[in-house]
Amino acid sequence: MIIQVCVGSSCHIKGSEEIVRLLQKAIEEKHLESEITLAGSFCIGKCNRTGVTVQVDDEIYTGITVENFNKFFTDNVLPKL
C-alpha cells in the first residue's frame, strides 16, 4: 500500500506535517512498516477548505485533520491491508 500525503502549500498550512507524524506513529505502533510506503506529494488537486488531502493507493481523501485522523486510519487504511 502507498499512502501519499499532500505537502503542497495549502495542505502544509493546514497541518500536513502533523498528519505525516501521526501516520508514521500509527504505522510503527501497528508494525506495518513492511506493508505501507509513506510518501509526500505536491498538490494532489483536491484541495479542501479544512484539513489535508491524503491518497491511499488510488483513493483520495480530503479534510484529514488531527481530530479525525484515528477514524480515517481505522476506516480507510487498515481495512485495505
N, C-alpha and C. Protein backbone atom coordinates (compact mmCIF):
# COMPACT_ATOMS: atom_id res chain seq x y z
N MET A 1 0.84 -1.17 0.00
CA MET A 1 0.00 0.00 0.00
C MET A 1 0.89 1.24 0.00
N ILE A 2 0.48 2.23 -0.78
CA ILE A 2 1.20 3.51 -0.80
C ILE A 2 0.26 4.59 -0.28
N ILE A 3 0.73 5.30 0.72
CA ILE A 3 -0.01 6.45 1.25
C ILE A 3 0.79 7.70 0.92
N GLN A 4 0.15 8.62 0.21
CA GLN A 4 0.80 9.89 -0.14
C GLN A 4 0.07 11.02 0.58
N VAL A 5 0.82 11.84 1.26
CA VAL A 5 0.27 12.99 1.96
C VAL A 5 0.64 14.24 1.18
N CYS A 6 -0.34 15.05 0.86
CA CYS A 6 -0.05 16.30 0.17
C CYS A 6 0.77 17.20 1.09
N VAL A 7 1.88 17.69 0.56
CA VAL A 7 2.71 18.62 1.31
C VAL A 7 2.83 19.95 0.55
N GLY A 8 1.90 20.16 -0.39
CA GLY A 8 1.86 21.43 -1.10
C GLY A 8 1.53 22.56 -0.14
N SER A 9 1.62 23.77 -0.60
CA SER A 9 1.48 24.93 0.29
C SER A 9 0.15 24.96 1.04
N SER A 10 -0.94 24.66 0.38
CA SER A 10 -2.24 24.70 1.04
C SER A 10 -2.34 23.67 2.16
N CYS A 11 -1.98 22.43 1.86
CA CYS A 11 -2.04 21.38 2.88
C CYS A 11 -0.98 21.58 3.96
N HIS A 12 0.16 22.13 3.58
CA HIS A 12 1.19 22.42 4.59
C HIS A 12 0.63 23.38 5.64
N ILE A 13 -0.05 24.40 5.19
CA ILE A 13 -0.64 25.39 6.11
C ILE A 13 -1.71 24.73 6.98
N LYS A 14 -2.39 23.72 6.44
CA LYS A 14 -3.48 23.05 7.16
C LYS A 14 -3.00 21.91 8.04
N GLY A 15 -1.68 21.66 8.09
CA GLY A 15 -1.15 20.70 9.05
C GLY A 15 -0.65 19.39 8.49
N SER A 16 -0.21 19.36 7.24
CA SER A 16 0.26 18.10 6.67
C SER A 16 1.43 17.51 7.45
N GLU A 17 2.27 18.35 8.01
CA GLU A 17 3.42 17.85 8.79
C GLU A 17 2.94 17.01 9.97
N GLU A 18 1.90 17.45 10.63
CA GLU A 18 1.36 16.70 11.77
C GLU A 18 0.68 15.41 11.32
N ILE A 19 0.01 15.43 10.18
CA ILE A 19 -0.62 14.22 9.65
C ILE A 19 0.46 13.18 9.30
N VAL A 20 1.56 13.64 8.74
CA VAL A 20 2.68 12.72 8.45
C VAL A 20 3.18 12.11 9.74
N ARG A 21 3.35 12.90 10.78
CA ARG A 21 3.82 12.37 12.07
C ARG A 21 2.84 11.33 12.63
N LEU A 22 1.54 11.63 12.52
CA LEU A 22 0.53 10.69 13.02
C LEU A 22 0.55 9.39 12.23
N LEU A 23 0.72 9.49 10.92
CA LEU A 23 0.81 8.29 10.09
C LEU A 23 2.04 7.47 10.46
N GLN A 24 3.17 8.12 10.61
CA GLN A 24 4.40 7.42 10.99
C GLN A 24 4.20 6.67 12.31
N LYS A 25 3.60 7.34 13.27
CA LYS A 25 3.37 6.75 14.58
C LYS A 25 2.42 5.55 14.48
N ALA A 26 1.32 5.71 13.76
CA ALA A 26 0.33 4.63 13.62
C ALA A 26 0.94 3.43 12.90
N ILE A 27 1.71 3.68 11.87
CA ILE A 27 2.36 2.60 11.12
C ILE A 27 3.33 1.85 12.01
N GLU A 28 4.12 2.57 12.79
CA GLU A 28 5.08 1.93 13.70
C GLU A 28 4.37 1.14 14.80
N GLU A 29 3.33 1.75 15.41
CA GLU A 29 2.62 1.09 16.51
C GLU A 29 1.97 -0.21 16.07
N LYS A 30 1.53 -0.26 14.83
CA LYS A 30 0.85 -1.46 14.32
C LYS A 30 1.80 -2.37 13.54
N HIS A 31 3.09 -2.02 13.54
CA HIS A 31 4.14 -2.82 12.89
C HIS A 31 3.81 -3.05 11.41
N LEU A 32 3.46 -1.99 10.71
CA LEU A 32 3.07 -2.07 9.30
C LEU A 32 4.13 -1.52 8.36
N GLU A 33 5.35 -1.34 8.86
CA GLU A 33 6.41 -0.74 8.05
C GLU A 33 6.66 -1.50 6.74
N SER A 34 6.51 -2.81 6.75
CA SER A 34 6.77 -3.59 5.54
C SER A 34 5.57 -3.62 4.59
N GLU A 35 4.42 -3.13 5.05
CA GLU A 35 3.21 -3.17 4.24
C GLU A 35 2.81 -1.81 3.67
N ILE A 36 3.30 -0.74 4.27
CA ILE A 36 2.89 0.61 3.86
C ILE A 36 4.12 1.43 3.49
N THR A 37 4.05 2.07 2.34
CA THR A 37 5.05 3.05 1.94
C THR A 37 4.43 4.42 2.13
N LEU A 38 5.05 5.26 2.93
CA LEU A 38 4.56 6.61 3.19
C LEU A 38 5.39 7.60 2.39
N ALA A 39 4.70 8.47 1.65
CA ALA A 39 5.40 9.43 0.79
C ALA A 39 4.70 10.78 0.84
N GLY A 40 5.47 11.80 0.54
CA GLY A 40 4.92 13.13 0.39
C GLY A 40 4.61 13.36 -1.08
N SER A 41 3.65 14.24 -1.34
CA SER A 41 3.27 14.55 -2.71
C SER A 41 2.92 16.02 -2.78
N PHE A 42 3.33 16.67 -3.85
CA PHE A 42 2.85 18.03 -4.03
C PHE A 42 1.41 17.96 -4.47
N CYS A 43 0.75 19.03 -4.64
CA CYS A 43 -0.70 19.11 -4.80
C CYS A 43 -1.30 17.92 -5.54
N ILE A 44 -2.24 17.29 -4.86
CA ILE A 44 -2.97 16.15 -5.43
C ILE A 44 -4.17 16.66 -6.24
N GLY A 45 -4.51 17.94 -6.06
CA GLY A 45 -5.56 18.55 -6.86
C GLY A 45 -6.95 18.47 -6.26
N LYS A 46 -7.04 18.15 -4.99
CA LYS A 46 -8.35 18.06 -4.33
C LYS A 46 -8.37 18.91 -3.07
N CYS A 47 -7.88 20.12 -3.17
CA CYS A 47 -7.82 21.00 -2.01
C CYS A 47 -9.20 21.16 -1.38
N ASN A 48 -9.21 21.20 -0.08
CA ASN A 48 -10.43 21.34 0.69
C ASN A 48 -10.25 22.54 1.62
N ARG A 49 -11.34 23.07 2.09
CA ARG A 49 -11.25 24.23 2.98
C ARG A 49 -10.60 23.88 4.32
N THR A 50 -10.80 22.66 4.76
CA THR A 50 -10.20 22.24 6.02
C THR A 50 -9.43 20.95 5.80
N GLY A 51 -8.40 20.78 6.56
CA GLY A 51 -7.66 19.52 6.56
C GLY A 51 -6.76 19.29 5.37
N VAL A 52 -6.16 18.14 5.39
CA VAL A 52 -5.11 17.73 4.46
C VAL A 52 -5.66 16.68 3.50
N THR A 53 -5.13 16.65 2.29
CA THR A 53 -5.51 15.63 1.32
C THR A 53 -4.51 14.48 1.39
N VAL A 54 -5.05 13.26 1.45
CA VAL A 54 -4.24 12.05 1.56
C VAL A 54 -4.73 11.06 0.51
N GLN A 55 -3.79 10.46 -0.20
CA GLN A 55 -4.13 9.45 -1.19
C GLN A 55 -3.66 8.09 -0.68
N VAL A 56 -4.58 7.13 -0.64
CA VAL A 56 -4.28 5.76 -0.23
C VAL A 56 -4.46 4.90 -1.48
N ASP A 57 -3.35 4.42 -2.01
CA ASP A 57 -3.34 3.75 -3.31
C ASP A 57 -4.03 4.66 -4.33
N ASP A 58 -5.18 4.28 -4.86
CA ASP A 58 -5.84 5.10 -5.89
C ASP A 58 -6.97 5.96 -5.35
N GLU A 59 -7.25 5.90 -4.05
CA GLU A 59 -8.36 6.67 -3.49
C GLU A 59 -7.84 7.93 -2.80
N ILE A 60 -8.56 9.04 -3.02
CA ILE A 60 -8.16 10.33 -2.45
C ILE A 60 -9.16 10.72 -1.36
N TYR A 61 -8.62 11.13 -0.22
CA TYR A 61 -9.41 11.56 0.92
C TYR A 61 -9.05 13.00 1.24
N THR A 62 -10.03 13.82 1.47
CA THR A 62 -9.79 15.23 1.79
C THR A 62 -10.26 15.53 3.21
N GLY A 63 -9.75 16.61 3.74
CA GLY A 63 -10.20 17.07 5.05
C GLY A 63 -9.66 16.29 6.22
N ILE A 64 -8.50 15.66 6.08
CA ILE A 64 -7.92 14.89 7.18
C ILE A 64 -7.28 15.86 8.17
N THR A 65 -7.70 15.75 9.42
CA THR A 65 -7.20 16.62 10.48
C THR A 65 -6.70 15.77 11.65
N VAL A 66 -6.05 16.40 12.58
CA VAL A 66 -5.61 15.71 13.80
C VAL A 66 -6.83 15.11 14.49
N GLU A 67 -7.92 15.84 14.50
CA GLU A 67 -9.13 15.40 15.20
C GLU A 67 -9.77 14.17 14.57
N ASN A 68 -9.75 14.06 13.25
CA ASN A 68 -10.41 12.91 12.62
C ASN A 68 -9.41 11.87 12.10
N PHE A 69 -8.14 12.02 12.43
CA PHE A 69 -7.12 11.11 11.93
C PHE A 69 -7.38 9.65 12.31
N ASN A 70 -7.67 9.38 13.57
CA ASN A 70 -7.85 7.99 14.00
C ASN A 70 -8.97 7.31 13.24
N LYS A 71 -10.08 8.00 13.04
CA LYS A 71 -11.19 7.45 12.26
C LYS A 71 -10.77 7.20 10.83
N PHE A 72 -10.05 8.15 10.23
CA PHE A 72 -9.56 7.98 8.87
C PHE A 72 -8.69 6.74 8.77
N PHE A 73 -7.74 6.58 9.68
CA PHE A 73 -6.80 5.47 9.64
C PHE A 73 -7.54 4.14 9.83
N THR A 74 -8.43 4.10 10.80
CA THR A 74 -9.19 2.88 11.10
C THR A 74 -10.13 2.50 9.97
N ASP A 75 -10.80 3.49 9.39
CA ASP A 75 -11.82 3.22 8.36
C ASP A 75 -11.27 3.07 6.95
N ASN A 76 -10.16 3.75 6.65
CA ASN A 76 -9.71 3.83 5.26
C ASN A 76 -8.34 3.24 4.97
N VAL A 77 -7.57 2.95 6.00
CA VAL A 77 -6.25 2.36 5.78
C VAL A 77 -6.24 0.90 6.22
N LEU A 78 -6.56 0.65 7.46
CA LEU A 78 -6.47 -0.72 7.99
C LEU A 78 -7.29 -1.74 7.21
N PRO A 79 -8.52 -1.43 6.79
CA PRO A 79 -9.29 -2.46 6.06
C PRO A 79 -8.69 -2.85 4.70
N LYS A 80 -7.83 -2.02 4.15
CA LYS A 80 -7.26 -2.29 2.84
C LYS A 80 -5.99 -3.14 2.88
N LEU A 81 -5.53 -3.43 4.07
CA LEU A 81 -4.30 -4.23 4.20
C LEU A 81 -4.59 -5.72 4.08
